[in-house]
Amino acid sequence: MIALLLALACGGSSAPAAPPAPAPPAPTASTPAEVAPPPPAGGGIIGGEPILHRPVVVGAIGVDAIEAGIAAHSAELRRCFEDERAKEPTLSGRVLVGFTVARDGSVARVSTRSTSLRHPPTEDCLTARMEGVRFPPLLDGETALVSYPFSFP
């Protein structure tokens, strides 16, 4: 009896051992070796596709003020795309434009940060037109940094 208790206390058991967990299936040509993690909340994938779906503002101006300023110029900004789409009917994609809003509300240092449109004439037009957009003066600080996604279906 003592021998049986010692055997049980030391891990010896007459019960059958649990079967080992099955190994994951090996990747094949039709299954990837790794599955990419899902995109972050509110964003998309990286690699040419803008990762933002909403504007991001760092500085003392609200997102609503940025959206209102863009909306006031939406016809001329959209025309950048529509003029080029008339030449290339399959043109579509997203462009993430980065710019700085100065203390007085003017725009400086505009650039294409990311694009899936991959159409320089449209992207250059967007950045040139963004230089003419005015926003309300900043509430505080010298500049605000903005990343604004444009979507062209």
C-alpha atoms as a PDB file:
ATOM      1  CA  MET A   1       0.000   0.000   0.000  1.00  0.00           C
ATOM      2  CA  ILE A   2       2.825   2.396   0.895  1.00  0.00           C
ATOM      3  CA  ALA A   3       4.540   1.560  -2.386  1.00  0.00           C
ATOM      4  CA  LEU A   4       1.353   2.463  -4.270  1.00  0.00           C
ATOM      5  CA  LEU A   5       1.071   5.828  -2.464  1.00  0.00           C
ATOM      6  CA  LEU A   6       4.711   6.618  -3.208  1.00  0.00           C
ATOM      7  CA  ALA A   7       4.241   5.723  -6.841  1.00  0.00           C
ATOM      8  CA  LEU A   8       1.208   8.043  -7.105  1.00  0.00           C
ATOM      9  CA  ALA A   9       2.993  10.877  -5.261  1.00  0.00           C
ATOM     10  CA  CYS A  10       6.015  10.639  -7.561  1.00  0.00           C
ATOM     11  CA  GLY A  11       3.953  10.879 -10.707  1.00  0.00           C
ATOM     12  CA  GLY A  12       3.650   7.223 -11.392  1.00  0.00           C
ATOM     13  CA  SER A  13       0.133   6.305 -12.341  1.00  0.00           C
ATOM     14  CA  SER A  14      -1.504   3.337 -13.759  1.00  0.00           C
ATOM     15  CA  ALA A  15      -3.952   5.600 -15.672  1.00  0.00           C
ATOM     16  CA  PRO A  16      -3.172   5.933 -19.354  1.00  0.00           C
ATOM     17  CA  ALA A  17      -1.350   9.139 -20.359  1.00  0.00           C
ATOM     18  CA  ALA A  18      -3.242  11.784 -22.336  1.00  0.00           C
ATOM     19  CA  PRO A  19      -2.458  11.726 -26.044  1.00  0.00           C
ATOM     20  CA  PRO A  20      -0.076  14.449 -27.204  1.00  0.00           C
ATOM     21  CA  ALA A  21      -1.596  17.530 -28.868  1.00  0.00           C
ATOM     22  CA  PRO A  22      -1.659  17.225 -32.636  1.00  0.00           C
ATOM     23  CA  ALA A  23       1.048  19.143 -34.472  1.00  0.00           C
ATOM     24  CA  PRO A  24      -0.161  22.029 -36.645  1.00  0.00           C
ATOM     25  CA  PRO A  25      -0.423  21.132 -40.318  1.00  0.00           C
ATOM     26  CA  ALA A  26       2.591  21.975 -42.422  1.00  0.00           C
ATOM     27  CA  PRO A  27       2.086  24.857 -44.867  1.00  0.00           C
ATOM     28  CA  THR A  28       1.325  23.873 -48.431  1.00  0.00           C
ATOM     29  CA  ALA A  29       1.340  25.851 -51.650  1.00  0.00           C
ATOM     30  CA  SER A  30      -2.262  26.876 -50.967  1.00  0.00           C
ATOM     31  CA  THR A  31      -1.846  27.816 -47.285  1.00  0.00           C
ATOM     32  CA  PRO A  32       0.541  30.540 -46.101  1.00  0.00           C
ATOM     33  CA  ALA A  33       3.254  29.710 -43.596  1.00  0.00           C
ATOM     34  CA  GLU A  34       2.201  32.668 -41.455  1.00  0.00           C
ATOM     35  CA  VAL A  35      -1.054  34.506 -41.198  1.00  0.00           C
ATOM     36  CA  ALA A  36      -0.675  38.263 -40.999  1.00  0.00           C
ATOM     37  CA  PRO A  37      -2.183  39.881 -37.935  1.00  0.00           C
ATOM     38  CA  PRO A  38      -5.390  41.804 -38.502  1.00  0.00           C
ATOM     39  CA  PRO A  39      -5.002  45.512 -39.245  1.00  0.00           C
ATOM     40  CA  PRO A  40      -5.139  47.866 -36.275  1.00  0.00           C
ATOM     41  CA  ALA A  41      -8.548  49.205 -35.315  1.00  0.00           C
ATOM     42  CA  GLY A  42      -9.492  52.084 -37.566  1.00  0.00           C
ATOM     43  CA  GLY A  43      -6.689  51.374 -40.019  1.00  0.00           C
ATOM     44  CA  GLY A  44      -5.835  49.335 -43.054  1.00  0.00           C
ATOM     45  CA  ILE A  45      -2.772  47.549 -44.285  1.00  0.00           C
ATOM     46  CA  ILE A  46       0.684  48.939 -44.951  1.00  0.00           C
ATOM     47  CA  GLY A  47       2.424  48.487 -48.273  1.00  0.00           C
ATOM     48  CA  GLY A  48       1.162  51.219 -50.567  1.00  0.00           C
ATOM     49  CA  GLU A  49      -2.337  51.294 -49.112  1.00  0.00           C
ATOM     50  CA  PRO A  50      -2.945  54.208 -46.758  1.00  0.00           C
ATOM     51  CA  ILE A  51      -3.401  52.865 -43.257  1.00  0.00           C
ATOM     52  CA  LEU A  52      -5.725  55.614 -42.078  1.00  0.00           C
ATOM     53  CA  HIS A  53      -9.425  55.795 -42.717  1.00  0.00           C
ATOM     54  CA  ARG A  54      -9.932  59.064 -40.819  1.00  0.00           C
ATOM     55  CA  PRO A  55      -7.768  62.162 -40.499  1.00  0.00           C
ATOM     56  CA  VAL A  56      -5.168  62.230 -37.751  1.00  0.00           C
ATOM     57  CA  VAL A  57      -4.235  65.601 -36.275  1.00  0.00           C
ATOM     58  CA  VAL A  58      -1.377  66.343 -33.894  1.00  0.00           C
ATOM     59  CA  GLY A  59      -1.673  69.916 -32.696  1.00  0.00           C
ATOM     60  CA  ALA A  60      -4.150  72.497 -31.473  1.00  0.00           C
ATOM     61  CA  ILE A  61      -6.770  72.256 -34.203  1.00  0.00           C
ATOM     62  CA  GLY A  62      -9.694  69.869 -34.216  1.00  0.00           C
ATOM     63  CA  VAL A  63     -10.381  67.135 -36.734  1.00  0.00           C
ATOM     64  CA  ASP A  64     -13.746  68.815 -37.419  1.00  0.00           C
ATOM     65  CA  ALA A  65     -11.966  72.021 -38.473  1.00  0.00           C
ATOM     66  CA  ILE A  66      -9.678  70.028 -40.789  1.00  0.00           C
ATOM     67  CA  GLU A  67     -12.625  68.185 -42.344  1.00  0.00           C
ATOM     68  CA  ALA A  68     -14.535  71.476 -42.803  1.00  0.00           C
ATOM     69  CA  GLY A  69     -11.545  73.079 -44.528  1.00  0.00           C
ATOM     70  CA  ILE A  70     -11.150  70.118 -46.878  1.00  0.00           C
ATOM     71  CA  ALA A  71     -14.920  70.046 -47.546  1.00  0.00           C
ATOM     72  CA  ALA A  72     -14.828  73.729 -48.566  1.00  0.00           C
ATOM     73  CA  HIS A  73     -12.351  72.769 -51.316  1.00  0.00           C
ATOM     74  CA  SER A  74     -13.754  69.325 -52.098  1.00  0.00           C
ATOM     75  CA  ALA A  75     -14.807  70.179 -55.672  1.00  0.00           C
ATOM     76  CA  GLU A  76     -11.350  71.305 -56.746  1.00  0.00           C
ATOM     77  CA  LEU A  77      -9.637  68.461 -54.872  1.00  0.00           C
ATOM     78  CA  ARG A  78     -11.978  65.887 -56.411  1.00  0.00           C
ATOM     79  CA  ARG A  79     -11.376  67.385 -59.854  1.00  0.00           C
ATOM     80  CA  CYS A  80      -7.732  66.256 -59.550  1.00  0.00           C
ATOM     81  CA  PHE A  81      -8.987  62.680 -59.647  1.00  0.00           C
ATOM     82  CA  GLU A  82     -11.912  63.119 -62.044  1.00  0.00           C
ATOM     83  CA  ASP A  83      -9.783  64.794 -64.742  1.00  0.00           C
ATOM     84  CA  GLU A  84      -7.348  61.881 -64.682  1.00  0.00           C
ATOM     85  CA  ARG A  85     -10.056  59.241 -64.453  1.00  0.00           C
ATOM     86  CA  ALA A  86     -11.549  60.585 -67.677  1.00  0.00           C
ATOM     87  CA  LYS A  87      -8.266  59.511 -69.311  1.00  0.00           C
ATOM     88  CA  GLU A  88      -7.952  56.240 -67.342  1.00  0.00           C
ATOM     89  CA  PRO A  89     -11.412  54.823 -66.485  1.00  0.00           C
ATOM     90  CA  THR A  90     -10.040  52.107 -64.165  1.00  0.00           C
ATOM     91  CA  LEU A  91      -8.203  54.592 -61.956  1.00  0.00           C
ATOM     92  CA  SER A  92      -9.109  54.171 -58.270  1.00  0.00           C
ATOM     93  CA  GLY A  93      -7.410  54.046 -54.901  1.00  0.00           C
ATOM     94  CA  ARG A  94      -6.523  55.957 -51.773  1.00  0.00           C
ATOM     95  CA  VAL A  95      -3.992  58.691 -51.145  1.00  0.00           C
ATOM     96  CA  LEU A  96      -2.749  59.713 -47.711  1.00  0.00           C
ATOM     97  CA  VAL A  97      -1.674  63.346 -47.817  1.00  0.00           C
ATOM     98  CA  GLY A  98       0.451  64.779 -45.018  1.00  0.00           C
ATOM     99  CA  PHE A  99       0.622  68.503 -44.383  1.00  0.00           C
ATOM    100  CA  THR A 100       1.427  71.106 -41.762  1.00  0.00           C
ATOM    101  CA  VAL A 101      -1.038  73.762 -40.666  1.00  0.00           C
ATOM    102  CA  ALA A 102       0.728  76.957 -39.611  1.00  0.00           C
ATOM    103  CA  ARG A 103      -0.361  79.153 -36.701  1.00  0.00           C
ATOM    104  CA  ASP A 104      -2.379  81.404 -39.059  1.00  0.00           C
ATOM    105  CA  GLY A 105      -4.233  78.433 -40.637  1.00  0.00           C
ATOM    106  CA  SER A 106      -2.211  78.314 -43.850  1.00  0.00           C
ATOM    107  CA  VAL A 107      -0.889  75.008 -45.217  1.00  0.00           C
ATOM    108  CA  ALA A 108       2.784  74.181 -45.688  1.00  0.00           C
ATOM    109  CA  ARG A 109       4.942  71.139 -46.422  1.00  0.00           C
ATOM    110  CA  VAL A 110       2.354  69.067 -48.266  1.00  0.00           C
ATOM    111  CA  SER A 111       3.355  65.593 -49.448  1.00  0.00           C
ATOM    112  CA  THR A 112       1.931  62.234 -50.457  1.00  0.00           C
ATOM    113  CA  ARG A 113       2.621  59.975 -47.470  1.00  0.00           C
ATOM    114  CA  SER A 114       1.172  56.749 -48.880  1.00  0.00           C
ATOM    115  CA  THR A 115      -0.827  55.742 -51.933  1.00  0.00           C
ATOM    116  CA  SER A 116      -2.590  52.822 -53.527  1.00  0.00           C
ATOM    117  CA  LEU A 117      -3.666  55.047 -56.416  1.00  0.00           C
ATOM    118  CA  ARG A 118      -0.075  55.128 -57.675  1.00  0.00           C
ATOM    119  CA  HIS A 119      -0.833  57.901 -60.131  1.00  0.00           C
ATOM    120  CA  PRO A 120       1.633  60.812 -59.814  1.00  0.00           C
ATOM    121  CA  PRO A 121      -0.434  63.348 -61.829  1.00  0.00           C
ATOM    122  CA  THR A 122      -3.382  62.963 -59.448  1.00  0.00           C
ATOM    123  CA  GLU A 123      -1.178  62.911 -56.355  1.00  0.00           C
ATOM    124  CA  ASP A 124       0.760  66.003 -57.503  1.00  0.00           C
ATOM    125  CA  CYS A 125      -2.490  67.833 -58.219  1.00  0.00           C
ATOM    126  CA  LEU A 126      -3.820  66.993 -54.751  1.00  0.00           C
ATOM    127  CA  THR A 127      -0.703  68.251 -52.993  1.00  0.00           C
ATOM    128  CA  ALA A 128      -0.635  71.448 -55.087  1.00  0.00           C
ATOM    129  CA  ARG A 129      -4.308  72.187 -54.380  1.00  0.00           C
ATOM    130  CA  MET A 130      -3.878  71.462 -50.669  1.00  0.00           C
ATOM    131  CA  GLU A 131      -1.420  74.360 -50.454  1.00  0.00           C
ATOM    132  CA  GLY A 132      -4.357  76.718 -51.137  1.00  0.00           C
ATOM    133  CA  VAL A 133      -6.631  75.337 -48.424  1.00  0.00           C
ATOM    134  CA  ARG A 134      -7.072  77.560 -45.359  1.00  0.00           C
ATOM    135  CA  PHE A 135      -8.010  76.421 -41.879  1.00  0.00           C
ATOM    136  CA  PRO A 136      -8.898  78.378 -38.745  1.00  0.00           C
ATOM    137  CA  PRO A 137      -5.885  79.715 -36.820  1.00  0.00           C
ATOM    138  CA  LEU A 138      -4.413  77.296 -34.323  1.00  0.00           C
ATOM    139  CA  LEU A 139      -5.645  77.472 -30.753  1.00  0.00           C
ATOM    140  CA  ASP A 140      -2.099  77.061 -29.433  1.00  0.00           C
ATOM    141  CA  GLY A 141       1.377  76.279 -30.697  1.00  0.00           C
ATOM    142  CA  GLU A 142       3.165  77.059 -33.922  1.00  0.00           C
ATOM    143  CA  THR A 143       2.069  74.171 -36.153  1.00  0.00           C
ATOM    144  CA  ALA A 144      -0.223  71.175 -36.376  1.00  0.00           C
ATOM    145  CA  LEU A 145       0.625  68.017 -38.292  1.00  0.00           C
ATOM    146  CA  VAL A 146      -2.163  66.388 -40.283  1.00  0.00           C
ATOM    147  CA  SER A 147      -2.470  63.103 -42.176  1.00  0.00           C
ATOM    148  CA  TYR A 148      -5.577  63.141 -44.357  1.00  0.00           C
ATOM    149  CA  PRO A 149      -6.820  60.147 -46.373  1.00  0.00           C
ATOM    150  CA  PHE A 150      -8.501  60.729 -49.737  1.00  0.00           C
ATOM    151  CA  SER A 151     -10.481  57.846 -51.212  1.00  0.00           C
ATOM    152  CA  PHE A 152     -11.258  57.617 -54.919  1.00  0.00           C
ATOM    153  CA  PRO A 153     -13.518  54.654 -55.749  1.00  0.00           C
END
